[in-house]
Amino acid sequence: MATWDEVHRIAMAMPEAVERSPRDWRVKGKGFVCERPLRKADLLELGADAPDGPILGARVADVGVKEALLADDPEVYFTTSHFDGYAMILARLDKIDVDELEELIIESWLVQAPKRLAKTYLDGHTAGS
């Protein structure tokens, strides 16, 4: 089970990440992860399946990646019709383990970071890891 403190720690460890407002992390002005509470329409749509814990929204590379995450771990990942056709996944923060959270946040950052910044990050982590 992950917490907002862990999200903050991981997100802020990424190069040039900023927390624009509480629980809204960006790189060079582009959001990569954020808190995404369910709205009234989401609750109506999800019904009894609506989670009641904290929800993280994360950018993904494309809708194919989103669909793969939804299929691989529906206990953690979900979406609503609001995000149909949009490369963003919702994750139940109280169901995701910290290692998977870290991978999700790094991948989200890589999607949104400028290409040169992402390359510099990857070069430093593949050489040193």
C-alpha atoms as a PDB file:
ATOM      1  CA  MET A   1       0.000   0.000   0.000  1.00  0.00           C
ATOM      2  CA  ALA A   2       1.424   3.354  -1.073  1.00  0.00           C
ATOM      3  CA  THR A   3       0.876   6.806   0.420  1.00  0.00           C
ATOM      4  CA  TRP A   4       0.877  10.385  -0.801  1.00  0.00           C
ATOM      5  CA  ASP A   5       4.200  10.886   0.983  1.00  0.00           C
ATOM      6  CA  GLU A   6       5.699   8.163  -1.222  1.00  0.00           C
ATOM      7  CA  VAL A   7       4.161   9.692  -4.347  1.00  0.00           C
ATOM      8  CA  HIS A   8       5.687  13.040  -3.370  1.00  0.00           C
ATOM      9  CA  ARG A   9       9.105  11.529  -2.655  1.00  0.00           C
ATOM     10  CA  ILE A  10       9.229   9.622  -5.952  1.00  0.00           C
ATOM     11  CA  ALA A  11       7.804  12.427  -8.103  1.00  0.00           C
ATOM     12  CA  MET A  12      10.096  15.084  -6.644  1.00  0.00           C
ATOM     13  CA  ALA A  13      13.132  12.860  -7.194  1.00  0.00           C
ATOM     14  CA  MET A  14      12.591  13.189 -10.939  1.00  0.00           C
ATOM     15  CA  PRO A  15      14.662  15.879 -12.680  1.00  0.00           C
ATOM     16  CA  GLU A  16      12.992  19.279 -12.898  1.00  0.00           C
ATOM     17  CA  ALA A  17       9.792  18.026 -11.263  1.00  0.00           C
ATOM     18  CA  VAL A  18       7.703  20.544  -9.369  1.00  0.00           C
ATOM     19  CA  GLU A  19       4.590  20.244  -7.288  1.00  0.00           C
ATOM     20  CA  ARG A  20       2.437  22.948  -8.853  1.00  0.00           C
ATOM     21  CA  SER A  21      -0.247  22.619  -6.227  1.00  0.00           C
ATOM     22  CA  PRO A  22      -0.798  19.983  -3.565  1.00  0.00           C
ATOM     23  CA  ARG A  23      -0.689  16.561  -5.215  1.00  0.00           C
ATOM     24  CA  ASP A  24      -0.188  17.840  -8.774  1.00  0.00           C
ATOM     25  CA  TRP A  25       3.315  17.098 -10.102  1.00  0.00           C
ATOM     26  CA  ARG A  26       4.668  18.525 -13.344  1.00  0.00           C
ATOM     27  CA  VAL A  27       7.772  18.577 -15.469  1.00  0.00           C
ATOM     28  CA  LYS A  28       8.361  21.659 -17.631  1.00  0.00           C
ATOM     29  CA  GLY A  29       4.710  22.622 -17.158  1.00  0.00           C
ATOM     30  CA  LYS A  30       3.276  19.244 -18.149  1.00  0.00           C
ATOM     31  CA  GLY A  31       1.435  17.181 -15.565  1.00  0.00           C
ATOM     32  CA  PHE A  32       2.643  13.643 -15.078  1.00  0.00           C
ATOM     33  CA  VAL A  33       0.882  12.488 -11.889  1.00  0.00           C
ATOM     34  CA  CYS A  34      -1.830  14.009  -9.713  1.00  0.00           C
ATOM     35  CA  GLU A  35      -4.516  13.297  -7.213  1.00  0.00           C
ATOM     36  CA  ARG A  36      -7.744  12.554  -9.069  1.00  0.00           C
ATOM     37  CA  PRO A  37     -10.734  12.355  -6.740  1.00  0.00           C
ATOM     38  CA  LEU A  38     -13.833  10.829  -8.252  1.00  0.00           C
ATOM     39  CA  ARG A  39     -16.468  13.286  -9.364  1.00  0.00           C
ATOM     40  CA  LYS A  40     -20.204  12.818  -9.059  1.00  0.00           C
ATOM     41  CA  ALA A  41     -20.477  11.515 -12.631  1.00  0.00           C
ATOM     42  CA  ASP A  42     -17.619   9.057 -11.967  1.00  0.00           C
ATOM     43  CA  LEU A  43     -19.355   7.757  -8.846  1.00  0.00           C
ATOM     44  CA  LEU A  44     -22.626   7.280 -10.734  1.00  0.00           C
ATOM     45  CA  GLU A  45     -20.820   5.488 -13.561  1.00  0.00           C
ATOM     46  CA  LEU A  46     -18.769   3.182 -11.322  1.00  0.00           C
ATOM     47  CA  GLY A  47     -21.543   2.483  -8.841  1.00  0.00           C
ATOM     48  CA  ALA A  48     -20.598  -0.164  -6.286  1.00  0.00           C
ATOM     49  CA  ASP A  49     -17.182  -0.563  -7.973  1.00  0.00           C
ATOM     50  CA  ALA A  50     -16.181   3.006  -7.120  1.00  0.00           C
ATOM     51  CA  PRO A  51     -13.111   2.987  -4.871  1.00  0.00           C
ATOM     52  CA  ASP A  52     -13.326   4.955  -1.677  1.00  0.00           C
ATOM     53  CA  GLY A  53      -9.589   5.410  -1.103  1.00  0.00           C
ATOM     54  CA  PRO A  54      -7.095   7.855  -2.601  1.00  0.00           C
ATOM     55  CA  ILE A  55      -6.764   7.879  -6.392  1.00  0.00           C
ATOM     56  CA  LEU A  56      -3.686   8.753  -8.413  1.00  0.00           C
ATOM     57  CA  GLY A  57      -3.984   9.878 -12.010  1.00  0.00           C
ATOM     58  CA  ALA A  58      -0.939   9.106 -14.165  1.00  0.00           C
ATOM     59  CA  ARG A  59      -0.087   9.845 -17.775  1.00  0.00           C
ATOM     60  CA  VAL A  60       0.846   6.834 -19.865  1.00  0.00           C
ATOM     61  CA  ALA A  61       2.525   6.598 -23.262  1.00  0.00           C
ATOM     62  CA  ASP A  62      -0.653   5.779 -25.160  1.00  0.00           C
ATOM     63  CA  VAL A  63      -4.060   4.142 -24.892  1.00  0.00           C
ATOM     64  CA  GLY A  64      -2.472   0.734 -25.596  1.00  0.00           C
ATOM     65  CA  VAL A  65      -0.372   1.015 -22.434  1.00  0.00           C
ATOM     66  CA  LYS A  66      -3.473   2.083 -20.530  1.00  0.00           C
ATOM     67  CA  GLU A  67      -5.427  -0.935 -21.795  1.00  0.00           C
ATOM     68  CA  ALA A  68      -2.563  -3.273 -20.851  1.00  0.00           C
ATOM     69  CA  LEU A  69      -2.454  -1.913 -17.285  1.00  0.00           C
ATOM     70  CA  LEU A  70      -6.236  -2.228 -16.977  1.00  0.00           C
ATOM     71  CA  ALA A  71      -6.086  -5.851 -18.147  1.00  0.00           C
ATOM     72  CA  ASP A  72      -3.032  -6.807 -16.085  1.00  0.00           C
ATOM     73  CA  ASP A  73      -4.156  -5.487 -12.707  1.00  0.00           C
ATOM     74  CA  PRO A  74      -7.800  -4.376 -12.412  1.00  0.00           C
ATOM     75  CA  GLU A  75      -7.429  -4.460  -8.612  1.00  0.00           C
ATOM     76  CA  VAL A  76      -5.105  -1.441  -8.880  1.00  0.00           C
ATOM     77  CA  TYR A  77      -5.910   0.259 -12.194  1.00  0.00           C
ATOM     78  CA  PHE A  78      -9.200   1.578 -13.508  1.00  0.00           C
ATOM     79  CA  THR A  79     -10.634   4.341 -15.656  1.00  0.00           C
ATOM     80  CA  THR A  80     -13.863   6.173 -16.299  1.00  0.00           C
ATOM     81  CA  SER A  81     -15.556   7.252 -19.514  1.00  0.00           C
ATOM     82  CA  HIS A  82     -14.202  10.766 -18.842  1.00  0.00           C
ATOM     83  CA  PHE A  83     -10.786   9.396 -19.870  1.00  0.00           C
ATOM     84  CA  ASP A  84     -11.940   7.415 -22.934  1.00  0.00           C
ATOM     85  CA  GLY A  85      -9.370   7.811 -25.697  1.00  0.00           C
ATOM     86  CA  TYR A  86      -7.018   9.663 -23.344  1.00  0.00           C
ATOM     87  CA  ALA A  87      -3.626   8.309 -22.252  1.00  0.00           C
ATOM     88  CA  MET A  88      -4.228   8.577 -18.513  1.00  0.00           C
ATOM     89  CA  ILE A  89      -4.761   5.786 -16.003  1.00  0.00           C
ATOM     90  CA  LEU A  90      -6.287   5.916 -12.547  1.00  0.00           C
ATOM     91  CA  ALA A  91      -4.689   3.896  -9.757  1.00  0.00           C
ATOM     92  CA  ARG A  92      -5.962   2.988  -6.316  1.00  0.00           C
ATOM     93  CA  LEU A  93      -3.158   4.311  -4.135  1.00  0.00           C
ATOM     94  CA  ASP A  94      -4.090   1.996  -1.276  1.00  0.00           C
ATOM     95  CA  LYS A  95      -3.765  -1.053  -3.572  1.00  0.00           C
ATOM     96  CA  ILE A  96      -0.506  -0.348  -5.421  1.00  0.00           C
ATOM     97  CA  ASP A  97       2.810  -1.429  -3.950  1.00  0.00           C
ATOM     98  CA  VAL A  98       5.620   1.091  -3.719  1.00  0.00           C
ATOM     99  CA  ASP A  99       7.843  -0.564  -6.364  1.00  0.00           C
ATOM    100  CA  GLU A 100       5.004  -0.534  -8.900  1.00  0.00           C
ATOM    101  CA  LEU A 101       4.156   3.044  -7.915  1.00  0.00           C
ATOM    102  CA  GLU A 102       7.741   4.095  -8.553  1.00  0.00           C
ATOM    103  CA  GLU A 103       7.698   2.448 -11.992  1.00  0.00           C
ATOM    104  CA  LEU A 104       4.386   4.135 -12.837  1.00  0.00           C
ATOM    105  CA  ILE A 105       5.614   7.576 -11.777  1.00  0.00           C
ATOM    106  CA  ILE A 106       8.919   7.266 -13.633  1.00  0.00           C
ATOM    107  CA  GLU A 107       7.136   6.119 -16.795  1.00  0.00           C
ATOM    108  CA  SER A 108       4.642   8.981 -16.446  1.00  0.00           C
ATOM    109  CA  TRP A 109       7.485  11.458 -16.035  1.00  0.00           C
ATOM    110  CA  LEU A 110       9.237  10.037 -19.116  1.00  0.00           C
ATOM    111  CA  VAL A 111       6.060  10.509 -21.174  1.00  0.00           C
ATOM    112  CA  GLN A 112       5.802  14.184 -20.252  1.00  0.00           C
ATOM    113  CA  ALA A 113       9.451  15.258 -19.951  1.00  0.00           C
ATOM    114  CA  PRO A 114      11.135  16.959 -22.899  1.00  0.00           C
ATOM    115  CA  LYS A 115      13.007  14.410 -25.040  1.00  0.00           C
ATOM    116  CA  ARG A 116      16.487  15.665 -24.126  1.00  0.00           C
ATOM    117  CA  LEU A 117      15.732  15.657 -20.408  1.00  0.00           C
ATOM    118  CA  ALA A 118      14.260  12.150 -20.621  1.00  0.00           C
ATOM    119  CA  LYS A 119      17.286  10.937 -22.602  1.00  0.00           C
ATOM    120  CA  THR A 120      19.691  12.403 -20.051  1.00  0.00           C
ATOM    121  CA  TYR A 121      17.757  10.693 -17.264  1.00  0.00           C
ATOM    122  CA  LEU A 122      17.688   7.337 -19.068  1.00  0.00           C
ATOM    123  CA  ASP A 123      21.365   7.542 -20.001  1.00  0.00           C
ATOM    124  CA  GLY A 124      22.269   8.131 -16.344  1.00  0.00           C
ATOM    125  CA  HIS A 125      20.092   5.302 -15.078  1.00  0.00           C
ATOM    126  CA  THR A 126      20.968   2.632 -17.610  1.00  0.00           C
ATOM    127  CA  ALA A 127      24.693   3.281 -17.213  1.00  0.00           C
ATOM    128  CA  GLY A 128      24.618   3.483 -13.425  1.00  0.00           C
ATOM    129  CA  SER A 129      21.890   0.954 -12.614  1.00  0.00           C
END
